[in-house]
C-alpha atoms as a PDB file:
ATOM      1  CA  MET A   1      -3.058  30.359  -4.153  1.00  0.00           C
ATOM      2  CA  ASP A   2      -3.244  28.427  -0.977  1.00  0.00           C
ATOM      3  CA  TYR A   3      -0.900  25.761  -0.467  1.00  0.00           C
ATOM      4  CA  LEU A   4      -2.777  22.665   1.098  1.00  0.00           C
ATOM      5  CA  GLY A   5       0.547  20.654   1.489  1.00  0.00           C
ATOM      6  CA  TYR A   6       2.861  18.438   0.108  1.00  0.00           C
ATOM      7  CA  HIS A   7       1.843  14.530  -0.252  1.00  0.00           C
ATOM      8  CA  SER A   8       4.000  11.655  -1.267  1.00  0.00           C
ATOM      9  CA  PHE A   9       3.386   9.177  -4.882  1.00  0.00           C
ATOM     10  CA  VAL A  10       3.488   5.247  -3.515  1.00  0.00           C
ATOM     11  CA  ASP A  11       4.019   2.498  -5.528  1.00  0.00           C
ATOM     12  CA  HIS A  12       0.704   0.801  -5.898  1.00  0.00           C
ATOM     13  CA  GLU A  13       1.845  -3.296  -5.291  1.00  0.00           C
ATOM     14  CA  ASP A  14       4.327  -2.185  -2.475  1.00  0.00           C
ATOM     15  CA  PRO A  15       2.873   1.189  -0.476  1.00  0.00           C
ATOM     16  CA  SER A  16       5.893   1.593   1.249  1.00  0.00           C
ATOM     17  CA  LEU A  17       7.911   2.407  -1.533  1.00  0.00           C
ATOM     18  CA  GLU A  18       7.782   6.960  -2.001  1.00  0.00           C
ATOM     19  CA  TYR A  19       9.083   7.888  -5.202  1.00  0.00           C
ATOM     20  CA  GLY A  20       8.220  11.561  -5.826  1.00  0.00           C
ATOM     21  CA  CYS A  21       5.889  14.320  -4.289  1.00  0.00           C
ATOM     22  CA  PHE A  22       2.734  16.345  -5.134  1.00  0.00           C
ATOM     23  CA  GLU A  23       1.345  19.720  -4.043  1.00  0.00           C
ATOM     24  CA  VAL A  24      -2.260  20.378  -3.792  1.00  0.00           C
ATOM     25  CA  PHE A  25      -3.251  23.885  -4.001  1.00  0.00           C
ATOM     26  CA  HIS A  26      -6.511  26.006  -4.680  1.00  0.00           C
ATOM     27  CA  VAL A  27      -7.220  28.621  -6.867  1.00  0.00           C
ATOM     28  CA  SER A  28      -9.702  31.317  -5.936  1.00  0.00           C
ATOM     29  CA  GLY A  29     -11.811  33.088  -8.391  1.00  0.00           C
ATOM     30  CA  LYS A  30     -10.098  36.237  -8.457  1.00  0.00           C
ATOM     31  CA  GLU A  31      -6.591  34.635  -8.627  1.00  0.00           C
ATOM     32  CA  ALA A  32      -8.146  32.209 -11.632  1.00  0.00           C
ATOM     33  CA  ARG A  33      -8.734  35.372 -13.404  1.00  0.00           C
ATOM     34  CA  GLN A  34      -5.391  37.326 -12.533  1.00  0.00           C
ATOM     35  CA  LEU A  35      -3.047  34.211 -13.347  1.00  0.00           C
ATOM     36  CA  SER A  36      -5.291  33.081 -16.310  1.00  0.00           C
ATOM     37  CA  ARG A  37      -4.069  36.800 -17.955  1.00  0.00           C
ATOM     38  CA  GLU A  38      -0.880  36.633 -16.446  1.00  0.00           C
ATOM     39  CA  THR A  39       0.380  33.663 -18.450  1.00  0.00           C
ATOM     40  CA  GLY A  40      -2.094  33.541 -21.252  1.00  0.00           C
ATOM     41  CA  GLU A  41      -3.347  29.783 -20.278  1.00  0.00           C
ATOM     42  CA  GLU A  42      -6.734  29.511 -19.148  1.00  0.00           C
ATOM     43  CA  TRP A  43      -7.157  28.995 -14.509  1.00  0.00           C
ATOM     44  CA  ARG A  44     -10.617  28.216 -13.187  1.00  0.00           C
ATOM     45  CA  ALA A  45     -11.339  28.565  -9.788  1.00  0.00           C
ATOM     46  CA  GLY A  46     -10.984  25.113  -7.950  1.00  0.00           C
ATOM     47  CA  TYR A  47      -8.249  23.063  -6.527  1.00  0.00           C
ATOM     48  CA  TYR A  48      -4.978  21.597  -8.035  1.00  0.00           C
ATOM     49  CA  TRP A  49      -2.198  19.182  -7.865  1.00  0.00           C
ATOM     50  CA  TRP A  50       1.396  19.250  -9.652  1.00  0.00           C
ATOM     51  CA  PRO A  51       4.391  16.959  -9.033  1.00  0.00           C
ATOM     52  CA  CYS A  52       6.519  19.000  -6.939  1.00  0.00           C
ATOM     53  CA  PHE A  53       9.187  18.421  -4.207  1.00  0.00           C
ATOM     54  CA  PRO A  54       8.905  21.536  -1.286  1.00  0.00           C
ATOM     55  CA  GLY A  55      10.923  24.323  -2.142  1.00  0.00           C
ATOM     56  CA  CYS A  56      11.582  23.313  -5.549  1.00  0.00           C
ATOM     57  CA  LEU A  57       9.501  24.136  -8.879  1.00  0.00           C
ATOM     58  CA  PRO A  58       6.923  22.109 -10.642  1.00  0.00           C
ATOM     59  CA  ASP A  59       7.787  19.351 -12.351  1.00  0.00           C
ATOM     60  CA  SER A  60       5.522  18.984 -15.035  1.00  0.00           C
ATOM     61  CA  ASP A  61       1.692  20.823 -15.970  1.00  0.00           C
ATOM     62  CA  ARG A  62      -1.037  21.564 -13.465  1.00  0.00           C
ATOM     63  CA  ASN A  63      -3.763  18.562 -13.031  1.00  0.00           C
ATOM     64  CA  GLY A  64      -7.659  19.948 -12.278  1.00  0.00           C
ATOM     65  CA  PRO A  65      -9.483  22.371 -11.519  1.00  0.00           C
ATOM     66  CA  PHE A  66     -10.876  19.756  -8.639  1.00  0.00           C
ATOM     67  CA  ARG A  67     -13.838  20.550  -6.231  1.00  0.00           C
ATOM     68  CA  SER A  68     -12.139  19.533  -3.523  1.00  0.00           C
ATOM     69  CA  ALA A  69      -8.623  19.022  -2.175  1.00  0.00           C
ATOM     70  CA  LYS A  70     -10.085  15.481  -1.877  1.00  0.00           C
ATOM     71  CA  ALA A  71     -10.936  14.926  -4.963  1.00  0.00           C
ATOM     72  CA  ALA A  72      -7.723  16.469  -6.115  1.00  0.00           C
ATOM     73  CA  TRP A  73      -6.048  14.421  -3.574  1.00  0.00           C
ATOM     74  CA  LYS A  74      -7.118  11.012  -4.799  1.00  0.00           C
ATOM     75  CA  ASP A  75      -6.754  11.723  -8.583  1.00  0.00           C
ATOM     76  CA  ALA A  76      -2.599  12.289  -7.993  1.00  0.00           C
ATOM     77  CA  ARG A  77      -2.629   9.174  -6.109  1.00  0.00           C
ATOM     78  CA  GLU A  78      -4.388   7.409  -8.997  1.00  0.00           C
ATOM     79  CA  ASN A  79      -2.413   8.714 -11.403  1.00  0.00           C
END
């Protein structure tokens, strides 16, 4: 997986208020097949995001796949 960085969730009414982080990452087709075998869950190639603080395990399930990192980022910001 290619980790593309951490970003902050912000309050839509007051963008200066941050209340968490999310991570955007990419999974290749080969990685998706390997992850599907290892976890028993379906993974597909593409970009994903999940709530996660740097250096910590994810706070919930992954979201995606998306066609681009920008689409994953936008979905995270809207949700």
